Amino acid sequence: QVQLVESGGGLVQPGGSLRLSCAASGSIFSTNAMAWYRQAPGKQRELVAAITSGGSTNYADSVKGRFTISTDNAKNTVYLQMNSLKPEDTAVYYCNANVKVRRYSATYLYWGQGTQVTVSS
């Protein structure tokens, strides 16, 4: 019922920037929160940034001051602006959405397919 499609990943040099996008589509009554996670090879998936429907945000300490999460609520789209990228940011980035498909439905978590971000000179 709900699909998340990510885009914007790629190869960038240290100090460069990328902007990731994730559009949620399908039967969505409301989107309570959206987030970006990342997973590097051999490592645990970790929260990078999250934003609630009320606009509250939180970030991993490692990206504070460099990354910015934002949404276009009308389009059910979340963005992650990544500046001053470091090699340590290299990972597969996954979009996550906390949604209700009906007024009184349960809250469901949906994941995007992931997009590769590689920071290397």
PDB file of N, CA and C in Angstrom:
ATOM      1  N   GLN A   1       0.815  -1.217   0.000  1.00  0.00           N
ATOM      2  CA  GLN A   1       0.000   0.000   0.000  1.00  0.00           C
ATOM      3  C   GLN A   1       0.846   1.263   0.000  1.00  0.00           C
ATOM      4  N   VAL A   2       1.995   1.208   0.623  1.00  0.00           N
ATOM      5  CA  VAL A   2       2.867   2.362   0.729  1.00  0.00           C
ATOM      6  C   VAL A   2       4.227   2.020   0.149  1.00  0.00           C
ATOM      7  N   GLN A   3       4.731   2.909  -0.661  1.00  0.00           N
ATOM      8  CA  GLN A   3       6.029   2.733  -1.275  1.00  0.00           C
ATOM      9  C   GLN A   3       6.886   3.960  -1.036  1.00  0.00           C
ATOM     10  N   LEU A   4       8.136   3.741  -0.680  1.00  0.00           N
ATOM     11  CA  LEU A   4       9.101   4.815  -0.495  1.00  0.00           C
ATOM     12  C   LEU A   4      10.185   4.660  -1.548  1.00  0.00           C
ATOM     13  N   VAL A   5      10.424   5.717  -2.289  1.00  0.00           N
ATOM     14  CA  VAL A   5      11.410   5.704  -3.351  1.00  0.00           C
ATOM     15  C   VAL A   5      12.466   6.755  -3.061  1.00  0.00           C
ATOM     16  N   GLU A   6      13.707   6.312  -2.949  1.00  0.00           N
ATOM     17  CA  GLU A   6      14.820   7.187  -2.631  1.00  0.00           C
ATOM     18  C   GLU A   6      15.613   7.527  -3.884  1.00  0.00           C
ATOM     19  N   SER A   7      16.237   8.682  -3.854  1.00  0.00           N
ATOM     20  CA  SER A   7      17.098   9.095  -4.945  1.00  0.00           C
ATOM     21  C   SER A   7      18.125  10.089  -4.420  1.00  0.00           C
ATOM     22  N   GLY A   8      19.158  10.321  -5.201  1.00  0.00           N
ATOM     23  CA  GLY A   8      20.138  11.341  -4.879  1.00  0.00           C
ATOM     24  C   GLY A   8      21.487  10.834  -4.416  1.00  0.00           C
ATOM     25  N   GLY A   9      21.615   9.544  -4.206  1.00  0.00           N
ATOM     26  CA  GLY A   9      22.892   9.007  -3.786  1.00  0.00           C
ATOM     27  C   GLY A   9      23.906   9.031  -4.907  1.00  0.00           C
ATOM     28  N   GLY A  10      25.149   8.791  -4.551  1.00  0.00           N
ATOM     29  CA  GLY A  10      26.202   8.780  -5.548  1.00  0.00           C
ATOM     30  C   GLY A  10      27.569   8.887  -4.923  1.00  0.00           C
ATOM     31  N   LEU A  11      28.539   9.165  -5.766  1.00  0.00           N
ATOM     32  CA  LEU A  11      29.930   9.315  -5.357  1.00  0.00           C
ATOM     33  C   LEU A  11      30.269  10.791  -5.257  1.00  0.00           C
ATOM     34  N   VAL A  12      30.866  11.177  -4.147  1.00  0.00           N
ATOM     35  CA  VAL A  12      31.238  12.566  -3.933  1.00  0.00           C
ATOM     36  C   VAL A  12      32.566  12.619  -3.196  1.00  0.00           C
ATOM     37  N   GLN A  13      33.334  13.664  -3.447  1.00  0.00           N
ATOM     38  CA  GLN A  13      34.610  13.834  -2.768  1.00  0.00           C
ATOM     39  C   GLN A  13      34.417  14.374  -1.358  1.00  0.00           C
ATOM     40  N   PRO A  14      35.360  14.106  -0.461  1.00  0.00           N
ATOM     41  CA  PRO A  14      35.271  14.685   0.876  1.00  0.00           C
ATOM     42  C   PRO A  14      35.097  16.192   0.813  1.00  0.00           C
ATOM     43  N   GLY A  15      34.215  16.696   1.667  1.00  0.00           N
ATOM     44  CA  GLY A  15      33.895  18.110   1.662  1.00  0.00           C
ATOM     45  C   GLY A  15      32.762  18.483   0.740  1.00  0.00           C
ATOM     46  N   GLY A  16      32.336  17.562  -0.088  1.00  0.00           N
ATOM     47  CA  GLY A  16      31.259  17.821  -1.020  1.00  0.00           C
ATOM     48  C   GLY A  16      29.893  17.683  -0.395  1.00  0.00           C
ATOM     49  N   SER A  17      28.879  17.814  -1.237  1.00  0.00           N
ATOM     50  CA  SER A  17      27.495  17.785  -0.775  1.00  0.00           C
ATOM     51  C   SER A  17      26.645  16.879  -1.640  1.00  0.00           C
ATOM     52  N   LEU A  18      25.624  16.321  -1.029  1.00  0.00           N
ATOM     53  CA  LEU A  18      24.598  15.560  -1.720  1.00  0.00           C
ATOM     54  C   LEU A  18      23.259  15.861  -1.081  1.00  0.00           C
ATOM     55  N   ARG A  19      22.216  15.733  -1.871  1.00  0.00           N
ATOM     56  CA  ARG A  19      20.865  15.902  -1.369  1.00  0.00           C
ATOM     57  C   ARG A  19      20.065  14.654  -1.690  1.00  0.00           C
ATOM     58  N   LEU A  20      19.641  13.949  -0.661  1.00  0.00           N
ATOM     59  CA  LEU A  20      18.832  12.759  -0.823  1.00  0.00           C
ATOM     60  C   LEU A  20      17.356  13.112  -0.745  1.00  0.00           C
ATOM     61  N   SER A  21      16.559  12.414  -1.530  1.00  0.00           N
ATOM     62  CA  SER A  21      15.120  12.595  -1.519  1.00  0.00           C
ATOM     63  C   SER A  21      14.441  11.252  -1.325  1.00  0.00           C
ATOM     64  N   CYS A  22      13.302  11.278  -0.668  1.00  0.00           N
ATOM     65  CA  CYS A  22      12.502  10.080  -0.478  1.00  0.00           C
ATOM     66  C   CYS A  22      11.042  10.467  -0.561  1.00  0.00           C
ATOM     67  N   ALA A  23      10.354   9.930  -1.540  1.00  0.00           N
ATOM     68  CA  ALA A  23       8.943  10.221  -1.742  1.00  0.00           C
ATOM     69  C   ALA A  23       8.103   9.015  -1.346  1.00  0.00           C
ATOM     70  N   ALA A  24       7.153   9.242  -0.467  1.00  0.00           N
ATOM     71  CA  ALA A  24       6.224   8.207  -0.050  1.00  0.00           C
ATOM     72  C   ALA A  24       4.946   8.310  -0.864  1.00  0.00           C
ATOM     73  N   SER A  25       4.489   7.192  -1.375  1.00  0.00           N
ATOM     74  CA  SER A  25       3.277   7.181  -2.174  1.00  0.00           C
ATOM     75  C   SER A  25       2.406   6.000  -1.780  1.00  0.00           C
ATOM     76  N   GLY A  26       1.163   6.040  -2.236  1.00  0.00           N
ATOM     77  CA  GLY A  26       0.222   4.992  -1.923  1.00  0.00           C
ATOM     78  C   GLY A  26      -0.879   5.499  -1.023  1.00  0.00           C
ATOM     79  N   SER A  27      -1.513   4.572  -0.334  1.00  0.00           N
ATOM     80  CA  SER A  27      -2.625   4.911   0.542  1.00  0.00           C
ATOM     81  C   SER A  27      -2.089   5.361   1.899  1.00  0.00           C
ATOM     82  N   ILE A  28      -2.003   6.666   2.070  1.00  0.00           N
ATOM     83  CA  ILE A  28      -1.468   7.244   3.302  1.00  0.00           C
ATOM     84  C   ILE A  28      -2.479   8.227   3.870  1.00  0.00           C
ATOM     85  N   PHE A  29      -2.928   7.970   5.070  1.00  0.00           N
ATOM     86  CA  PHE A  29      -3.815   8.906   5.743  1.00  0.00           C
ATOM     87  C   PHE A  29      -3.019  10.036   6.374  1.00  0.00           C
ATOM     88  N   SER A  30      -1.966   9.684   7.049  1.00  0.00           N
ATOM     89  CA  SER A  30      -1.114  10.687   7.664  1.00  0.00           C
ATOM     90  C   SER A  30       0.287  10.125   7.821  1.00  0.00           C
ATOM     91  N   THR A  31       1.245  11.017   7.794  1.00  0.00           N
ATOM     92  CA  THR A  31       2.630  10.661   8.023  1.00  0.00           C
ATOM     93  C   THR A  31       3.053  11.281   9.349  1.00  0.00           C
ATOM     94  N   ASN A  32       3.349  10.444  10.298  1.00  0.00           N
ATOM     95  CA  ASN A  32       3.664  10.932  11.635  1.00  0.00           C
ATOM     96  C   ASN A  32       5.113  11.371  11.773  1.00  0.00           C
ATOM     97  N   ALA A  33       5.989  10.677  11.082  1.00  0.00           N
ATOM     98  CA  ALA A  33       7.400  11.005  11.148  1.00  0.00           C
ATOM     99  C   ALA A  33       8.121  10.368   9.976  1.00  0.00           C
ATOM    100  N   MET A  34       9.231  10.962   9.602  1.00  0.00           N
ATOM    101  CA  MET A  34      10.093  10.383   8.590  1.00  0.00           C
ATOM    102  C   MET A  34      11.528  10.491   9.082  1.00  0.00           C
ATOM    103  N   ALA A  35      12.352   9.599   8.602  1.00  0.00           N
ATOM    104  CA  ALA A  35      13.714   9.550   9.090  1.00  0.00           C
ATOM    105  C   ALA A  35      14.643   8.980   8.035  1.00  0.00           C
ATOM    106  N   TRP A  36      15.909   9.232   8.247  1.00  0.00           N
ATOM    107  CA  TRP A  36      16.971   8.635   7.450  1.00  0.00           C
ATOM    108  C   TRP A  36      17.856   7.794   8.354  1.00  0.00           C
ATOM    109  N   TYR A  37      18.113   6.586   7.920  1.00  0.00           N
ATOM    110  CA  TYR A  37      19.064   5.695   8.562  1.00  0.00           C
ATOM    111  C   TYR A  37      20.185   5.402   7.580  1.00  0.00           C
ATOM    112  N   ARG A  38      21.280   4.903   8.097  1.00  0.00           N
ATOM    113  CA  ARG A  38      22.351   4.467   7.219  1.00  0.00           C
ATOM    114  C   ARG A  38      23.004   3.219   7.780  1.00  0.00           C
ATOM    115  N   GLN A  39      23.588   2.450   6.888  1.00  0.00           N
ATOM    116  CA  GLN A  39      24.257   1.226   7.275  1.00  0.00           C
ATOM    117  C   GLN A  39      25.501   1.041   6.423  1.00  0.00           C
ATOM    118  N   ALA A  40      26.631   1.014   7.082  1.00  0.00           N
ATOM    119  CA  ALA A  40      27.892   0.730   6.427  1.00  0.00           C
ATOM    120  C   ALA A  40      28.162  -0.766   6.500  1.00  0.00           C
ATOM    121  N   PRO A  41      28.965  -1.293   5.586  1.00  0.00           N
ATOM    122  CA  PRO A  41      29.265  -2.727   5.597  1.00  0.00           C
ATOM    123  C   PRO A  41      29.802  -3.188   6.944  1.00  0.00           C
ATOM    124  N   GLY A  42      29.214  -4.248   7.473  1.00  0.00           N
ATOM    125  CA  GLY A  42      29.658  -4.804   8.735  1.00  0.00           C
ATOM    126  C   GLY A  42      29.235  -4.036   9.964  1.00  0.00           C
ATOM    127  N   LYS A  43      28.440  -2.995   9.785  1.00  0.00           N
ATOM    128  CA  LYS A  43      28.014  -2.182  10.915  1.00  0.00           C
ATOM    129  C   LYS A  43      26.503  -2.221  11.086  1.00  0.00           C
ATOM    130  N   GLN A  44      26.075  -1.834  12.262  1.00  0.00           N
ATOM    131  CA  GLN A  44      24.657  -1.762  12.585  1.00  0.00           C
ATOM    132  C   GLN A  44      24.010  -0.585  11.863  1.00  0.00           C
ATOM    133  N   ARG A  45      22.761  -0.766  11.471  1.00  0.00           N
ATOM    134  CA  ARG A  45      22.019   0.352  10.907  1.00  0.00           C
ATOM    135  C   ARG A  45      21.790   1.387  12.011  1.00  0.00           C
ATOM    136  N   GLU A  46      22.032   2.649  11.698  1.00  0.00           N
ATOM    137  CA  GLU A  46      21.927   3.698  12.689  1.00  0.00           C
ATOM    138  C   GLU A  46      21.056   4.844  12.197  1.00  0.00           C
ATOM    139  N   LEU A  47      20.423   5.491  13.138  1.00  0.00           N
ATOM    140  CA  LEU A  47      19.619   6.665  12.828  1.00  0.00           C
ATOM    141  C   LEU A  47      20.528   7.839  12.508  1.00  0.00           C
ATOM    142  N   VAL A  48      20.248   8.501  11.404  1.00  0.00           N
ATOM    143  CA  VAL A  48      20.991   9.685  11.002  1.00  0.00           C
ATOM    144  C   VAL A  48      20.231  10.948  11.379  1.00  0.00           C
ATOM    145  N   ALA A  49      18.972  11.010  10.991  1.00  0.00           N
ATOM    146  CA  ALA A  49      18.154  12.183  11.259  1.00  0.00           C
ATOM    147  C   ALA A  49      16.695  11.794  11.204  1.00  0.00           C
ATOM    148  N   ALA A  50      15.873  12.487  11.964  1.00  0.00           N
ATOM    149  CA  ALA A  50      14.446  12.225  11.982  1.00  0.00           C
ATOM    150  C   ALA A  50      13.684  13.525  12.121  1.00  0.00           C
ATOM    151  N   ILE A  51      12.463  13.530  11.610  1.00  0.00           N
ATOM    152  CA  ILE A  51      11.607  14.700  11.718  1.00  0.00           C
ATOM    153  C   ILE A  51      10.178  14.244  11.927  1.00  0.00           C
ATOM    154  N   THR A  52       9.485  14.880  12.854  1.00  0.00           N
ATOM    155  CA  THR A  52       8.104  14.537  13.149  1.00  0.00           C
ATOM    156  C   THR A  52       7.161  15.430  12.363  1.00  0.00           C
ATOM    157  N   SER A  53       5.885  15.073  12.394  1.00  0.00           N
ATOM    158  CA  SER A  53       4.885  15.880  11.703  1.00  0.00           C
ATOM    159  C   SER A  53       4.787  17.281  12.281  1.00  0.00           C
ATOM    160  N   GLY A  54       5.187  17.432  13.530  1.00  0.00           N
ATOM    161  CA  GLY A  54       5.188  18.742  14.157  1.00  0.00           C
ATOM    162  C   GLY A  54       6.424  19.563  13.869  1.00  0.00           C
ATOM    163  N   GLY A  55       7.375  18.985  13.161  1.00  0.00           N
ATOM    164  CA  GLY A  55       8.564  19.713  12.774  1.00  0.00           C
ATOM    165  C   GLY A  55       9.765  19.527  13.675  1.00  0.00           C
ATOM    166  N   SER A  56       9.631  18.735  14.713  1.00  0.00           N
ATOM    167  CA  SER A  56      10.771  18.477  15.584  1.00  0.00           C
ATOM    168  C   SER A  56      11.784  17.595  14.877  1.00  0.00           C
ATOM    169  N   THR A  57      13.042  17.886  15.077  1.00  0.00           N
ATOM    170  CA  THR A  57      14.105  17.126  14.434  1.00  0.00           C
ATOM    171  C   THR A  57      15.111  16.637  15.459  1.00  0.00           C
ATOM    172  N   ASN A  58      15.788  15.574  15.110  1.00  0.00           N
ATOM    173  CA  ASN A  58      16.927  15.142  15.886  1.00  0.00           C
ATOM    174  C   ASN A  58      17.937  14.504  14.953  1.00  0.00           C
ATOM    175  N   TYR A  59      19.198  14.587  15.339  1.00  0.00           N
ATOM    176  CA  TYR A  59      20.293  14.144  14.504  1.00  0.00           C
ATOM    177  C   TYR A  59      21.276  13.318  15.304  1.00  0.00           C
ATOM    178  N   ALA A  60      21.930  12.417  14.623  1.00  0.00           N
ATOM    179  CA  ALA A  60      23.057  11.743  15.225  1.00  0.00           C
ATOM    180  C   ALA A  60      24.158  12.754  15.501  1.00  0.00           C
ATOM    181  N   ASP A  61      24.879  12.553  16.585  1.00  0.00           N
ATOM    182  CA  ASP A  61      25.940  13.496  16.934  1.00  0.00           C
ATOM    183  C   ASP A  61      26.961  13.654  15.808  1.00  0.00           C
ATOM    184  N   SER A  62      27.205  12.594  15.081  1.00  0.00           N
ATOM    185  CA  SER A  62      28.225  12.610  14.048  1.00  0.00           C
ATOM    186  C   SER A  62      27.870  13.484  12.849  1.00  0.00           C
ATOM    187  N   VAL A  63      26.601  13.854  12.704  1.00  0.00           N
ATOM    188  CA  VAL A  63      26.192  14.642  11.546  1.00  0.00           C
ATOM    189  C   VAL A  63      25.655  16.012  11.911  1.00  0.00           C
ATOM    190  N   LYS A  64      25.557  16.307  13.180  1.00  0.00           N
ATOM    191  CA  LYS A  64      25.039  17.604  13.603  1.00  0.00           C
ATOM    192  C   LYS A  64      25.881  18.738  13.024  1.00  0.00           C
ATOM    193  N   GLY A  65      25.198  19.730  12.501  1.00  0.00           N
ATOM    194  CA  GLY A  65      25.878  20.859  11.896  1.00  0.00           C
ATOM    195  C   GLY A  65      26.232  20.659  10.447  1.00  0.00           C
ATOM    196  N   ARG A  66      26.137  19.436   9.950  1.00  0.00           N
ATOM    197  CA  ARG A  66      26.473  19.140   8.563  1.00  0.00           C
ATOM    198  C   ARG A  66      25.270  18.693   7.741  1.00  0.00           C
ATOM    199  N   PHE A  67      24.362  17.952   8.368  1.00  0.00           N
ATOM    200  CA  PHE A  67      23.193  17.419   7.672  1.00  0.00           C
ATOM    201  C   PHE A  67      21.942  18.160   8.123  1.00  0.00           C
ATOM    202  N   THR A  68      20.984  18.277   7.218  1.00  0.00           N
ATOM    203  CA  THR A  68      19.705  18.891   7.531  1.00  0.00           C
ATOM    204  C   THR A  68      18.582  18.050   6.951  1.00  0.00           C
ATOM    205  N   ILE A  69      17.629  17.680   7.786  1.00  0.00           N
ATOM    206  CA  ILE A  69      16.465  16.944   7.325  1.00  0.00           C
ATOM    207  C   ILE A  69      15.300  17.919   7.185  1.00  0.00           C
ATOM    208  N   SER A  70      14.517  17.740   6.152  1.00  0.00           N
ATOM    209  CA  SER A  70      13.361  18.589   5.923  1.00  0.00           C
ATOM    210  C   SER A  70      12.302  17.799   5.182  1.00  0.00           C
ATOM    211  N   THR A  71      11.089  18.322   5.155  1.00  0.00           N
ATOM    212  CA  THR A  71       9.989  17.638   4.487  1.00  0.00           C
ATOM    213  C   THR A  71       9.173  18.596   3.647  1.00  0.00           C
ATOM    214  N   ASP A  72       8.545  18.042   2.648  1.00  0.00           N
ATOM    215  CA  ASP A  72       7.474  18.694   1.925  1.00  0.00           C
ATOM    216  C   ASP A  72       6.244  17.853   2.235  1.00  0.00           C
ATOM    217  N   ASN A  73       5.481  18.283   3.213  1.00  0.00           N
ATOM    218  CA  ASN A  73       4.376  17.467   3.705  1.00  0.00           C
ATOM    219  C   ASN A  73       3.299  17.214   2.652  1.00  0.00           C
ATOM    220  N   ALA A  74       3.081  18.191   1.794  1.00  0.00           N
ATOM    221  CA  ALA A  74       2.077  18.024   0.750  1.00  0.00           C
ATOM    222  C   ALA A  74       2.444  16.909  -0.214  1.00  0.00           C
ATOM    223  N   LYS A  75       3.731  16.655  -0.359  1.00  0.00           N
ATOM    224  CA  LYS A  75       4.204  15.625  -1.272  1.00  0.00           C
ATOM    225  C   LYS A  75       4.650  14.354  -0.558  1.00  0.00           C
ATOM    226  N   ASN A  76       4.512  14.331   0.767  1.00  0.00           N
ATOM    227  CA  ASN A  76       4.998  13.197   1.549  1.00  0.00           C
ATOM    228  C   ASN A  76       6.434  12.845   1.189  1.00  0.00           C
ATOM    229  N   THR A  77       7.245  13.866   1.136  1.00  0.00           N
ATOM    230  CA  THR A  77       8.632  13.710   0.737  1.00  0.00           C
ATOM    231  C   THR A  77       9.558  14.228   1.830  1.00  0.00           C
ATOM    232  N   VAL A  78      10.613  13.496   2.087  1.00  0.00           N
ATOM    233  CA  VAL A  78      11.616  13.903   3.045  1.00  0.00           C
ATOM    234  C   VAL A  78      12.947  14.048   2.317  1.00  0.00           C
ATOM    235  N   TYR A  79      13.718  15.033   2.740  1.00  0.00           N
ATOM    236  CA  TYR A  79      15.006  15.315   2.135  1.00  0.00           C
ATOM    237  C   TYR A  79      16.095  15.241   3.191  1.00  0.00           C
ATOM    238  N   LEU A  80      17.274  14.927   2.756  1.00  0.00           N
ATOM    239  CA  LEU A  80      18.439  14.992   3.612  1.00  0.00           C
ATOM    240  C   LEU A  80      19.534  15.729   2.860  1.00  0.00           C
ATOM    241  N   GLN A  81      19.778  16.959   3.268  1.00  0.00           N
ATOM    242  CA  GLN A  81      20.865  17.740   2.709  1.00  0.00           C
ATOM    243  C   GLN A  81      22.130  17.419   3.475  1.00  0.00           C
ATOM    244  N   MET A  82      23.127  16.915   2.783  1.00  0.00           N
ATOM    245  CA  MET A  82      24.366  16.487   3.401  1.00  0.00           C
ATOM    246  C   MET A  82      25.500  17.367   2.898  1.00  0.00           C
ATOM    247  N   ASN A  83      26.088  18.118   3.800  1.00  0.00           N
ATOM    248  CA  ASN A  83      27.201  18.997   3.475  1.00  0.00           C
ATOM    249  C   ASN A  83      28.457  18.551   4.215  1.00  0.00           C
ATOM    250  N   SER A  84      29.589  19.038   3.746  1.00  0.00           N
ATOM    251  CA  SER A  84      30.872  18.724   4.370  1.00  0.00           C
ATOM    252  C   SER A  84      31.031  17.228   4.589  1.00  0.00           C
ATOM    253  N   LEU A  85      30.765  16.472   3.558  1.00  0.00           N
ATOM    254  CA  LEU A  85      30.766  15.021   3.675  1.00  0.00           C
ATOM    255  C   LEU A  85      32.159  14.479   3.975  1.00  0.00           C
ATOM    256  N   LYS A  86      32.178  13.443   4.779  1.00  0.00           N
ATOM    257  CA  LYS A  86      33.402  12.776   5.195  1.00  0.00           C
ATOM    258  C   LYS A  86      33.386  11.328   4.731  1.00  0.00           C
ATOM    259  N   PRO A  87      34.552  10.718   4.585  1.00  0.00           N
ATOM    260  CA  PRO A  87      34.573   9.295   4.220  1.00  0.00           C
ATOM    261  C   PRO A  87      33.765   8.424   5.178  1.00  0.00           C
ATOM    262  N   GLU A  88      33.699   8.814   6.442  1.00  0.00           N
ATOM    263  CA  GLU A  88      32.935   8.063   7.426  1.00  0.00           C
ATOM    264  C   GLU A  88      31.432   8.091   7.165  1.00  0.00           C
ATOM    265  N   ASP A  89      30.980   8.977   6.294  1.00  0.00           N
ATOM    266  CA  ASP A  89      29.568   9.032   5.936  1.00  0.00           C
ATOM    267  C   ASP A  89      29.191   7.991   4.889  1.00  0.00           C
ATOM    268  N   THR A  90      30.167   7.307   4.342  1.00  0.00           N
ATOM    269  CA  THR A  90      29.903   6.297   3.324  1.00  0.00           C
ATOM    270  C   THR A  90      29.028   5.187   3.891  1.00  0.00           C
ATOM    271  N   ALA A  91      27.903   4.940   3.240  1.00  0.00           N
ATOM    272  CA  ALA A  91      26.954   3.939   3.702  1.00  0.00           C
ATOM    273  C   ALA A  91      25.803   3.862   2.714  1.00  0.00           C
ATOM    274  N   VAL A  92      24.961   2.870   2.910  1.00  0.00           N
ATOM    275  CA  VAL A  92      23.672   2.852   2.241  1.00  0.00           C
ATOM    276  C   VAL A  92      22.697   3.605   3.126  1.00  0.00           C
ATOM    277  N   TYR A  93      22.029   4.575   2.555  1.00  0.00           N
ATOM    278  CA  TYR A  93      21.086   5.398   3.293  1.00  0.00           C
ATOM    279  C   TYR A  93      19.664   4.946   2.994  1.00  0.00           C
ATOM    280  N   TYR A  94      18.895   4.755   4.053  1.00  0.00           N
ATOM    281  CA  TYR A  94      17.533   4.257   3.945  1.00  0.00           C
ATOM    282  C   TYR A  94      16.543   5.281   4.476  1.00  0.00           C
ATOM    283  N   CYS A  95      15.501   5.486   3.730  1.00  0.00           N
ATOM    284  CA  CYS A  95      14.396   6.318   4.164  1.00  0.00           C
ATOM    285  C   CYS A  95      13.417   5.480   4.971  1.00  0.00           C
ATOM    286  N   ASN A  96      12.855   6.078   5.996  1.00  0.00           N
ATOM    287  CA  ASN A  96      11.881   5.421   6.853  1.00  0.00           C
ATOM    288  C   ASN A  96      10.701   6.354   7.063  1.00  0.00           C
ATOM    289  N   ALA A  97       9.502   5.800   7.028  1.00  0.00           N
ATOM    290  CA  ALA A  97       8.303   6.594   7.251  1.00  0.00           C
ATOM    291  C   ALA A  97       7.386   5.898   8.235  1.00  0.00           C
ATOM    292  N   ASN A  98       6.897   6.655   9.181  1.00  0.00           N
ATOM    293  CA  ASN A  98       5.929   6.198  10.174  1.00  0.00           C
ATOM    294  C   ASN A  98       4.574   6.742   9.734  1.00  0.00           C
ATOM    295  N   VAL A  99       3.701   5.854   9.260  1.00  0.00           N
ATOM    296  CA  VAL A  99       2.468   6.313   8.622  1.00  0.00           C
ATOM    297  C   VAL A  99       1.253   5.555   9.133  1.00  0.00           C
ATOM    298  N   LYS A 100       0.099   6.188   8.946  1.00  0.00           N
ATOM    299  CA  LYS A 100      -1.193   5.543   9.082  1.00  0.00           C
ATOM    300  C   LYS A 100      -1.843   5.525   7.709  1.00  0.00           C
ATOM    301  N   VAL A 101      -2.405   4.376   7.341  1.00  0.00           N
ATOM    302  CA  VAL A 101      -3.062   4.279   6.047  1.00  0.00           C
ATOM    303  C   VAL A 101      -4.551   4.609   6.135  1.00  0.00           C
ATOM    304  N   ARG A 102      -5.097   4.598   7.326  1.00  0.00           N
ATOM    305  CA  ARG A 102      -6.480   4.980   7.575  1.00  0.00           C
ATOM    306  C   ARG A 102      -6.546   5.715   8.902  1.00  0.00           C
ATOM    307  N   ARG A 103      -7.646   6.440   9.137  1.00  0.00           N
ATOM    308  CA  ARG A 103      -7.782   7.246  10.336  1.00  0.00           C
ATOM    309  C   ARG A 103      -7.547   6.450  11.605  1.00  0.00           C
ATOM    310  N   TYR A 104      -8.103   5.250  11.674  1.00  0.00           N
ATOM    311  CA  TYR A 104      -7.995   4.438  12.879  1.00  0.00           C
ATOM    312  C   TYR A 104      -7.132   3.196  12.683  1.00  0.00           C
ATOM    313  N   SER A 105      -6.290   3.235  11.701  1.00  0.00           N
ATOM    314  CA  SER A 105      -5.385   2.123  11.495  1.00  0.00           C
ATOM    315  C   SER A 105      -4.236   2.186  12.480  1.00  0.00           C
ATOM    316  N   ALA A 106      -3.523   1.087  12.566  1.00  0.00           N
ATOM    317  CA  ALA A 106      -2.298   1.083  13.336  1.00  0.00           C
ATOM    318  C   ALA A 106      -1.247   1.917  12.620  1.00  0.00           C
ATOM    319  N   THR A 107      -0.214   2.240  13.338  1.00  0.00           N
ATOM    320  CA  THR A 107       0.919   2.931  12.749  1.00  0.00           C
ATOM    321  C   THR A 107       1.885   1.904  12.177  1.00  0.00           C
ATOM    322  N   TYR A 108       2.298   2.127  10.950  1.00  0.00           N
ATOM    323  CA  TYR A 108       3.211   1.213  10.271  1.00  0.00           C
ATOM    324  C   TYR A 108       4.505   1.910   9.924  1.00  0.00           C
ATOM    325  N   LEU A 109       5.565   1.136   9.945  1.00  0.00           N
ATOM    326  CA  LEU A 109       6.869   1.607   9.513  1.00  0.00           C
ATOM    327  C   LEU A 109       7.173   1.038   8.132  1.00  0.00           C
ATOM    328  N   TYR A 110       7.553   1.911   7.223  1.00  0.00           N
ATOM    329  CA  TYR A 110       7.929   1.502   5.881  1.00  0.00           C
ATOM    330  C   TYR A 110       9.345   1.966   5.588  1.00  0.00           C
ATOM    331  N   TRP A 111      10.019   1.191   4.772  1.00  0.00           N
ATOM    332  CA  TRP A 111      11.410   1.469   4.423  1.00  0.00           C
ATOM    333  C   TRP A 111      11.581   1.593   2.925  1.00  0.00           C
ATOM    334  N   GLY A 112      12.455   2.489   2.536  1.00  0.00           N
ATOM    335  CA  GLY A 112      12.858   2.573   1.152  1.00  0.00           C
ATOM    336  C   GLY A 112      13.872   1.498   0.815  1.00  0.00           C
ATOM    337  N   GLN A 113      14.250   1.451  -0.445  1.00  0.00           N
ATOM    338  CA  GLN A 113      15.152   0.405  -0.914  1.00  0.00           C
ATOM    339  C   GLN A 113      16.612   0.691  -0.596  1.00  0.00           C
ATOM    340  N   GLY A 114      16.908   1.909  -0.232  1.00  0.00           N
ATOM    341  CA  GLY A 114      18.267   2.310   0.073  1.00  0.00           C
ATOM    342  C   GLY A 114      18.962   2.930  -1.121  1.00  0.00           C
ATOM    343  N   THR A 115      19.816   3.894  -0.846  1.00  0.00           N
ATOM    344  CA  THR A 115      20.617   4.518  -1.887  1.00  0.00           C
ATOM    345  C   THR A 115      22.048   4.657  -1.384  1.00  0.00           C
ATOM    346  N   GLN A 116      22.992   4.300  -2.227  1.00  0.00           N
ATOM    347  CA  GLN A 116      24.398   4.281  -1.840  1.00  0.00           C
ATOM    348  C   GLN A 116      24.987   5.683  -1.870  1.00  0.00           C
ATOM    349  N   VAL A 117      25.659   6.030  -0.793  1.00  0.00           N
ATOM    350  CA  VAL A 117      26.436   7.260  -0.723  1.00  0.00           C
ATOM    351  C   VAL A 117      27.885   6.875  -0.463  1.00  0.00           C
ATOM    352  N   THR A 118      28.760   7.280  -1.350  1.00  0.00           N
ATOM    353  CA  THR A 118      30.179   6.986  -1.213  1.00  0.00           C
ATOM    354  C   THR A 118      30.957   8.291  -1.208  1.00  0.00           C
ATOM    355  N   VAL A 119      31.731   8.498  -0.159  1.00  0.00           N
ATOM    356  CA  VAL A 119      32.547   9.697  -0.022  1.00  0.00           C
ATOM    357  C   VAL A 119      34.006   9.268  -0.117  1.00  0.00           C
ATOM    358  N   SER A 120      34.643   9.634  -1.196  1.00  0.00           N
ATOM    359  CA  SER A 120      36.005   9.191  -1.442  1.00  0.00           C
ATOM    360  C   SER A 120      36.694  10.143  -2.404  1.00  0.00           C
ATOM    361  N   SER A 121      37.995  10.314  -2.212  1.00  0.00           N
ATOM    362  CA  SER A 121      38.792  11.113  -3.118  1.00  0.00           C
ATOM    363  C   SER A 121      39.427  10.263  -4.206  1.00  0.00           C
TER     364      SER A 121
END
